[in-house]
Amino acid sequence: MIDKEKVRIMTHIAVYEKKHGKNDIMKAQYYQKDYVSLKNFKMQLSVTFALIILFSIEFSSTVMDSLTTTTTYTLIHLGIKYIIVWVLFIVGYTILSTMNYNKEYMESKERIKEYEKLLQDLEKIQLEQ
């Protein structure tokens, strides 16, 4: 005889495992602070590389456009401009990504708690039979 409650729980478990399971378990391997720090570091590294590429393009364009009139002042001004932009992007994105990754981590933890509760309920049903 098919137990409807057992089928319902197993369906919820299967949906969770298919939809969120791998990602949530991967996140749960870290402490929240470590997970957020790692994600922020990756984001900061990406922003830095993107700005280095943009700086390189603008620098080479400036040098190639005016080989004779390029001065140290022009290059320093360009460098300062990109340092300011870099700081603003790093601070802004770090604040936003920290809030986002903390929220993401907490949602993941909640889903794992629900998943573990479903597993316990399934185990109780199986022990009763």
N, C-alpha and C. Protein backbone atom coordinates (compact mmCIF):
# COMPACT_ATOMS: atom_id res chain seq x y z
N MET A 1 0.83 -1.17 0.00
CA MET A 1 0.00 0.00 0.00
C MET A 1 0.89 1.25 0.00
N ILE A 2 0.49 2.24 -0.79
CA ILE A 2 1.27 3.47 -0.93
C ILE A 2 0.85 4.45 0.15
N ASP A 3 1.82 4.93 0.87
CA ASP A 3 1.57 5.94 1.89
C ASP A 3 1.68 7.32 1.24
N LYS A 4 0.56 8.05 1.21
CA LYS A 4 0.53 9.35 0.52
C LYS A 4 1.49 10.35 1.17
N GLU A 5 1.58 10.33 2.47
CA GLU A 5 2.48 11.27 3.17
C GLU A 5 3.94 10.99 2.81
N LYS A 6 4.28 9.72 2.73
CA LYS A 6 5.64 9.33 2.36
C LYS A 6 5.97 9.78 0.94
N VAL A 7 5.03 9.62 0.02
CA VAL A 7 5.23 10.04 -1.36
C VAL A 7 5.37 11.55 -1.43
N ARG A 8 4.55 12.28 -0.67
CA ARG A 8 4.62 13.74 -0.66
C ARG A 8 6.00 14.21 -0.16
N ILE A 9 6.46 13.64 0.91
CA ILE A 9 7.77 14.02 1.47
C ILE A 9 8.89 13.69 0.49
N MET A 10 8.83 12.51 -0.10
CA MET A 10 9.87 12.11 -1.05
C MET A 10 9.86 13.03 -2.28
N THR A 11 8.69 13.48 -2.69
CA THR A 11 8.60 14.41 -3.81
C THR A 11 9.26 15.74 -3.47
N HIS A 12 8.97 16.24 -2.26
CA HIS A 12 9.60 17.49 -1.82
C HIS A 12 11.12 17.36 -1.75
N ILE A 13 11.57 16.23 -1.27
CA ILE A 13 13.01 15.97 -1.18
C ILE A 13 13.63 15.96 -2.57
N ALA A 14 13.00 15.27 -3.50
CA ALA A 14 13.54 15.17 -4.85
C ALA A 14 13.57 16.53 -5.55
N VAL A 15 12.52 17.32 -5.35
CA VAL A 15 12.48 18.66 -5.96
C VAL A 15 13.61 19.52 -5.40
N TYR A 16 13.80 19.47 -4.09
CA TYR A 16 14.87 20.25 -3.47
C TYR A 16 16.23 19.82 -4.01
N GLU A 17 16.47 18.52 -4.04
CA GLU A 17 17.78 18.03 -4.50
C GLU A 17 18.05 18.42 -5.94
N LYS A 18 17.01 18.42 -6.76
CA LYS A 18 17.19 18.77 -8.17
C LYS A 18 17.39 20.28 -8.34
N LYS A 19 16.66 21.07 -7.57
CA LYS A 19 16.65 22.52 -7.78
C LYS A 19 17.79 23.23 -7.03
N HIS A 20 17.95 22.96 -5.75
CA HIS A 20 18.90 23.71 -4.93
C HIS A 20 19.96 22.85 -4.25
N GLY A 21 19.81 21.58 -4.25
CA GLY A 21 20.63 20.69 -3.45
C GLY A 21 22.13 20.88 -3.55
N LYS A 22 22.68 20.81 -4.76
CA LYS A 22 24.14 20.90 -4.92
C LYS A 22 24.68 22.24 -4.44
N ASN A 23 24.02 23.32 -4.84
CA ASN A 23 24.50 24.66 -4.46
C ASN A 23 24.42 24.88 -2.96
N ASP A 24 23.31 24.45 -2.36
CA ASP A 24 23.15 24.65 -0.92
C ASP A 24 24.18 23.85 -0.12
N ILE A 25 24.42 22.63 -0.54
CA ILE A 25 25.39 21.79 0.16
C ILE A 25 26.80 22.36 0.01
N MET A 26 27.10 22.90 -1.18
CA MET A 26 28.41 23.53 -1.41
C MET A 26 28.57 24.74 -0.49
N LYS A 27 27.53 25.55 -0.38
CA LYS A 27 27.60 26.74 0.49
C LYS A 27 27.72 26.34 1.95
N ALA A 28 27.05 25.29 2.35
CA ALA A 28 27.04 24.86 3.75
C ALA A 28 28.40 24.36 4.21
N GLN A 29 29.29 24.06 3.29
CA GLN A 29 30.63 23.61 3.67
C GLN A 29 31.47 24.74 4.26
N TYR A 30 31.04 25.98 4.03
CA TYR A 30 31.76 27.14 4.53
C TYR A 30 31.01 27.77 5.70
N TYR A 31 31.77 28.47 6.54
CA TYR A 31 31.13 29.36 7.48
C TYR A 31 30.62 30.55 6.68
N GLN A 32 29.63 31.23 7.21
CA GLN A 32 29.02 32.34 6.46
C GLN A 32 30.06 33.41 6.12
N LYS A 33 30.88 33.77 7.07
CA LYS A 33 31.89 34.81 6.83
C LYS A 33 32.89 34.38 5.76
N ASP A 34 33.30 33.11 5.79
CA ASP A 34 34.25 32.61 4.80
C ASP A 34 33.63 32.60 3.40
N TYR A 35 32.37 32.18 3.32
CA TYR A 35 31.68 32.14 2.03
C TYR A 35 31.57 33.54 1.43
N VAL A 36 31.13 34.49 2.25
CA VAL A 36 30.96 35.86 1.78
C VAL A 36 32.31 36.47 1.41
N SER A 37 33.33 36.21 2.21
CA SER A 37 34.67 36.74 1.91
C SER A 37 35.23 36.19 0.61
N LEU A 38 35.05 34.91 0.39
CA LEU A 38 35.53 34.30 -0.85
C LEU A 38 34.82 34.87 -2.06
N LYS A 39 33.50 35.00 -1.98
CA LYS A 39 32.74 35.57 -3.09
C LYS A 39 33.13 37.03 -3.33
N ASN A 40 33.32 37.80 -2.25
CA ASN A 40 33.74 39.19 -2.39
C ASN A 40 35.13 39.29 -3.01
N PHE A 41 36.02 38.40 -2.62
CA PHE A 41 37.37 38.41 -3.19
C PHE A 41 37.32 38.16 -4.69
N LYS A 42 36.51 37.19 -5.11
CA LYS A 42 36.38 36.90 -6.55
C LYS A 42 35.83 38.11 -7.29
N MET A 43 34.84 38.77 -6.69
CA MET A 43 34.24 39.95 -7.31
C MET A 43 35.27 41.07 -7.41
N GLN A 44 36.03 41.30 -6.34
CA GLN A 44 37.03 42.37 -6.34
C GLN A 44 38.13 42.09 -7.35
N LEU A 45 38.51 40.85 -7.47
CA LEU A 45 39.51 40.46 -8.47
C LEU A 45 38.99 40.72 -9.88
N SER A 46 37.74 40.38 -10.13
CA SER A 46 37.13 40.62 -11.45
C SER A 46 37.07 42.11 -11.77
N VAL A 47 36.66 42.91 -10.81
CA VAL A 47 36.59 44.37 -11.02
C VAL A 47 37.98 44.92 -11.31
N THR A 48 38.96 44.46 -10.56
CA THR A 48 40.34 44.92 -10.77
C THR A 48 40.84 44.58 -12.17
N PHE A 49 40.64 43.34 -12.60
CA PHE A 49 41.08 42.96 -13.94
C PHE A 49 40.36 43.73 -15.03
N ALA A 50 39.07 43.95 -14.85
CA ALA A 50 38.30 44.71 -15.84
C ALA A 50 38.83 46.14 -15.94
N LEU A 51 39.11 46.76 -14.82
CA LEU A 51 39.62 48.13 -14.85
C LEU A 51 41.05 48.19 -15.38
N ILE A 52 41.84 47.17 -15.13
CA ILE A 52 43.19 47.12 -15.70
C ILE A 52 43.10 47.06 -17.22
N ILE A 53 42.18 46.26 -17.72
CA ILE A 53 42.01 46.17 -19.17
C ILE A 53 41.56 47.51 -19.74
N LEU A 54 40.58 48.13 -19.10
CA LEU A 54 40.11 49.45 -19.57
C LEU A 54 41.22 50.49 -19.49
N PHE A 55 41.99 50.47 -18.40
CA PHE A 55 43.11 51.40 -18.26
C PHE A 55 44.13 51.18 -19.37
N SER A 56 44.44 49.92 -19.65
CA SER A 56 45.41 49.61 -20.70
C SER A 56 44.95 50.11 -22.06
N ILE A 57 43.67 49.93 -22.35
CA ILE A 57 43.13 50.40 -23.62
C ILE A 57 43.21 51.92 -23.71
N GLU A 58 42.78 52.60 -22.65
CA GLU A 58 42.81 54.06 -22.69
C GLU A 58 44.24 54.58 -22.69
N PHE A 59 45.13 53.93 -21.95
CA PHE A 59 46.53 54.34 -21.92
C PHE A 59 47.17 54.21 -23.30
N SER A 60 46.96 53.05 -23.93
CA SER A 60 47.56 52.86 -25.25
C SER A 60 46.93 53.81 -26.27
N SER A 61 45.66 54.07 -26.15
CA SER A 61 45.00 55.03 -27.05
C SER A 61 45.57 56.43 -26.87
N THR A 62 45.78 56.83 -25.63
CA THR A 62 46.33 58.15 -25.34
C THR A 62 47.75 58.28 -25.88
N VAL A 63 48.54 57.26 -25.67
CA VAL A 63 49.93 57.29 -26.14
C VAL A 63 49.99 57.27 -27.66
N MET A 64 49.18 56.45 -28.29
CA MET A 64 49.21 56.35 -29.75
C MET A 64 48.64 57.60 -30.43
N ASP A 65 47.65 58.22 -29.83
CA ASP A 65 47.05 59.41 -30.44
C ASP A 65 47.99 60.60 -30.43
N SER A 66 48.75 60.72 -29.39
CA SER A 66 49.61 61.90 -29.29
C SER A 66 50.98 61.51 -28.76
N LEU A 67 51.76 60.89 -29.62
CA LEU A 67 53.08 60.42 -29.21
C LEU A 67 53.99 61.57 -28.77
N THR A 68 53.88 62.69 -29.43
CA THR A 68 54.78 63.79 -29.11
C THR A 68 54.30 64.64 -27.95
N THR A 69 53.00 64.67 -27.69
CA THR A 69 52.49 65.56 -26.65
C THR A 69 52.12 64.84 -25.35
N THR A 70 52.34 63.57 -25.27
CA THR A 70 52.03 62.84 -24.04
C THR A 70 53.05 63.23 -22.98
N THR A 71 52.53 63.69 -21.85
CA THR A 71 53.41 64.11 -20.76
C THR A 71 53.21 63.20 -19.56
N THR A 72 54.12 63.33 -18.63
CA THR A 72 54.00 62.57 -17.39
C THR A 72 52.73 62.98 -16.66
N TYR A 73 52.39 64.26 -16.72
CA TYR A 73 51.17 64.75 -16.08
C TYR A 73 49.94 64.05 -16.65
N THR A 74 49.88 63.88 -17.94
CA THR A 74 48.74 63.20 -18.58
C THR A 74 48.63 61.76 -18.08
N LEU A 75 49.75 61.08 -17.99
CA LEU A 75 49.74 59.70 -17.53
C LEU A 75 49.39 59.60 -16.05
N ILE A 76 49.89 60.53 -15.24
CA ILE A 76 49.56 60.54 -13.81
C ILE A 76 48.06 60.82 -13.63
N HIS A 77 47.55 61.78 -14.39
CA HIS A 77 46.13 62.12 -14.34
C HIS A 77 45.28 60.90 -14.70
N LEU A 78 45.67 60.18 -15.73
CA LEU A 78 44.95 58.98 -16.14
C LEU A 78 45.00 57.92 -15.04
N GLY A 79 46.17 57.73 -14.44
CA GLY A 79 46.32 56.75 -13.36
C GLY A 79 45.47 57.11 -12.15
N ILE A 80 45.47 58.38 -11.76
CA ILE A 80 44.67 58.81 -10.61
C ILE A 80 43.18 58.62 -10.89
N LYS A 81 42.78 58.94 -12.11
CA LYS A 81 41.37 58.76 -12.49
C LYS A 81 40.95 57.30 -12.31
N TYR A 82 41.79 56.37 -12.76
CA TYR A 82 41.43 54.96 -12.65
C TYR A 82 41.54 54.44 -11.22
N ILE A 83 42.42 54.98 -10.45
CA ILE A 83 42.50 54.57 -9.04
C ILE A 83 41.24 55.00 -8.30
N ILE A 84 40.77 56.21 -8.56
CA ILE A 84 39.54 56.69 -7.93
C ILE A 84 38.35 55.83 -8.36
N VAL A 85 38.26 55.55 -9.64
CA VAL A 85 37.17 54.70 -10.15
C VAL A 85 37.26 53.32 -9.52
N TRP A 86 38.46 52.78 -9.42
CA TRP A 86 38.66 51.45 -8.82
C TRP A 86 38.18 51.43 -7.38
N VAL A 87 38.58 52.43 -6.59
CA VAL A 87 38.17 52.48 -5.19
C VAL A 87 36.65 52.57 -5.08
N LEU A 88 36.04 53.43 -5.89
CA LEU A 88 34.58 53.57 -5.83
C LEU A 88 33.88 52.26 -6.20
N PHE A 89 34.35 51.60 -7.25
CA PHE A 89 33.75 50.33 -7.65
C PHE A 89 33.95 49.26 -6.58
N ILE A 90 35.15 49.16 -6.04
CA ILE A 90 35.42 48.15 -5.02
C ILE A 90 34.54 48.35 -3.80
N VAL A 91 34.46 49.59 -3.31
CA VAL A 91 33.65 49.86 -2.13
C VAL A 91 32.18 49.59 -2.42
N GLY A 92 31.68 50.12 -3.53
CA GLY A 92 30.27 49.94 -3.86
C GLY A 92 29.89 48.49 -4.07
N TYR A 93 30.66 47.81 -4.90
CA TYR A 93 30.35 46.41 -5.18
C TYR A 93 30.53 45.53 -3.95
N THR A 94 31.49 45.84 -3.10
CA THR A 94 31.70 45.03 -1.90
C THR A 94 30.51 45.16 -0.96
N ILE A 95 30.01 46.36 -0.80
CA ILE A 95 28.84 46.56 0.06
C ILE A 95 27.63 45.79 -0.49
N LEU A 96 27.38 45.97 -1.79
CA LEU A 96 26.23 45.30 -2.41
C LEU A 96 26.38 43.78 -2.41
N SER A 97 27.56 43.30 -2.76
CA SER A 97 27.74 41.85 -2.82
C SER A 97 27.73 41.23 -1.43
N THR A 98 28.21 41.93 -0.42
CA THR A 98 28.16 41.40 0.94
C THR A 98 26.72 41.20 1.38
N MET A 99 25.89 42.20 1.12
CA MET A 99 24.46 42.07 1.46
C MET A 99 23.84 40.91 0.69
N ASN A 100 24.14 40.83 -0.60
CA ASN A 100 23.56 39.79 -1.45
C ASN A 100 24.02 38.40 -1.03
N TYR A 101 25.31 38.21 -0.80
CA TYR A 101 25.82 36.89 -0.46
C TYR A 101 25.41 36.46 0.95
N ASN A 102 25.28 37.41 1.89
CA ASN A 102 24.76 37.07 3.22
C ASN A 102 23.32 36.56 3.11
N LYS A 103 22.52 37.27 2.33
CA LYS A 103 21.13 36.86 2.12
C LYS A 103 21.07 35.49 1.45
N GLU A 104 21.88 35.31 0.42
CA GLU A 104 21.93 34.04 -0.31
C GLU A 104 22.31 32.89 0.61
N TYR A 105 23.30 33.12 1.47
CA TYR A 105 23.77 32.09 2.40
C TYR A 105 22.69 31.72 3.40
N MET A 106 22.01 32.73 3.95
CA MET A 106 20.96 32.48 4.94
C MET A 106 19.78 31.73 4.32
N GLU A 107 19.40 32.09 3.09
CA GLU A 107 18.34 31.36 2.39
C GLU A 107 18.73 29.91 2.18
N SER A 108 19.98 29.70 1.85
CA SER A 108 20.49 28.35 1.64
C SER A 108 20.43 27.54 2.94
N LYS A 109 20.81 28.16 4.04
CA LYS A 109 20.77 27.49 5.33
C LYS A 109 19.34 27.11 5.71
N GLU A 110 18.39 28.01 5.43
CA GLU A 110 16.99 27.74 5.73
C GLU A 110 16.48 26.55 4.90
N ARG A 111 16.85 26.52 3.63
CA ARG A 111 16.43 25.41 2.78
C ARG A 111 17.02 24.09 3.27
N ILE A 112 18.26 24.13 3.73
CA ILE A 112 18.89 22.91 4.24
C ILE A 112 18.18 22.44 5.51
N LYS A 113 17.78 23.38 6.38
CA LYS A 113 17.03 22.99 7.58
C LYS A 113 15.72 22.32 7.21
N GLU A 114 15.01 22.88 6.24
CA GLU A 114 13.76 22.27 5.78
C GLU A 114 14.01 20.89 5.19
N TYR A 115 15.08 20.76 4.43
CA TYR A 115 15.46 19.49 3.82
C TYR A 115 15.75 18.44 4.90
N GLU A 116 16.50 18.83 5.91
CA GLU A 116 16.83 17.90 6.99
C GLU A 116 15.57 17.50 7.77
N LYS A 117 14.65 18.44 7.95
CA LYS A 117 13.39 18.12 8.62
C LYS A 117 12.58 17.11 7.80
N LEU A 118 12.56 17.31 6.48
CA LEU A 118 11.87 16.35 5.61
C LEU A 118 12.50 14.96 5.71
N LEU A 119 13.82 14.92 5.76
CA LEU A 119 14.51 13.63 5.89
C LEU A 119 14.16 12.95 7.23
N GLN A 120 14.09 13.74 8.29
CA GLN A 120 13.72 13.18 9.59
C GLN A 120 12.28 12.67 9.58
N ASP A 121 11.38 13.43 8.95
CA ASP A 121 9.99 12.99 8.84
C ASP A 121 9.89 11.68 8.06
N LEU A 122 10.64 11.59 6.98
CA LEU A 122 10.64 10.37 6.17
C LEU A 122 11.18 9.20 6.98
N GLU A 123 12.21 9.44 7.74
CA GLU A 123 12.79 8.38 8.57
C GLU A 123 11.78 7.91 9.63
N LYS A 124 11.03 8.84 10.24
CA LYS A 124 10.02 8.47 11.23
C LYS A 124 8.93 7.59 10.60
N ILE A 125 8.51 7.97 9.39
CA ILE A 125 7.48 7.21 8.70
C ILE A 125 7.98 5.80 8.40
N GLN A 126 9.23 5.70 7.98
CA GLN A 126 9.78 4.38 7.65
C GLN A 126 9.94 3.53 8.90
N LEU A 127 10.28 4.14 10.03
CA LEU A 127 10.43 3.37 11.27
C LEU A 127 9.08 2.89 11.80
N GLU A 128 8.02 3.65 11.52
CA GLU A 128 6.69 3.27 11.97
C GLU A 128 6.14 2.08 11.19
N GLN A 129 6.63 1.86 10.01
CA GLN A 129 6.09 0.76 9.18
C GLN A 129 6.70 -0.56 9.51
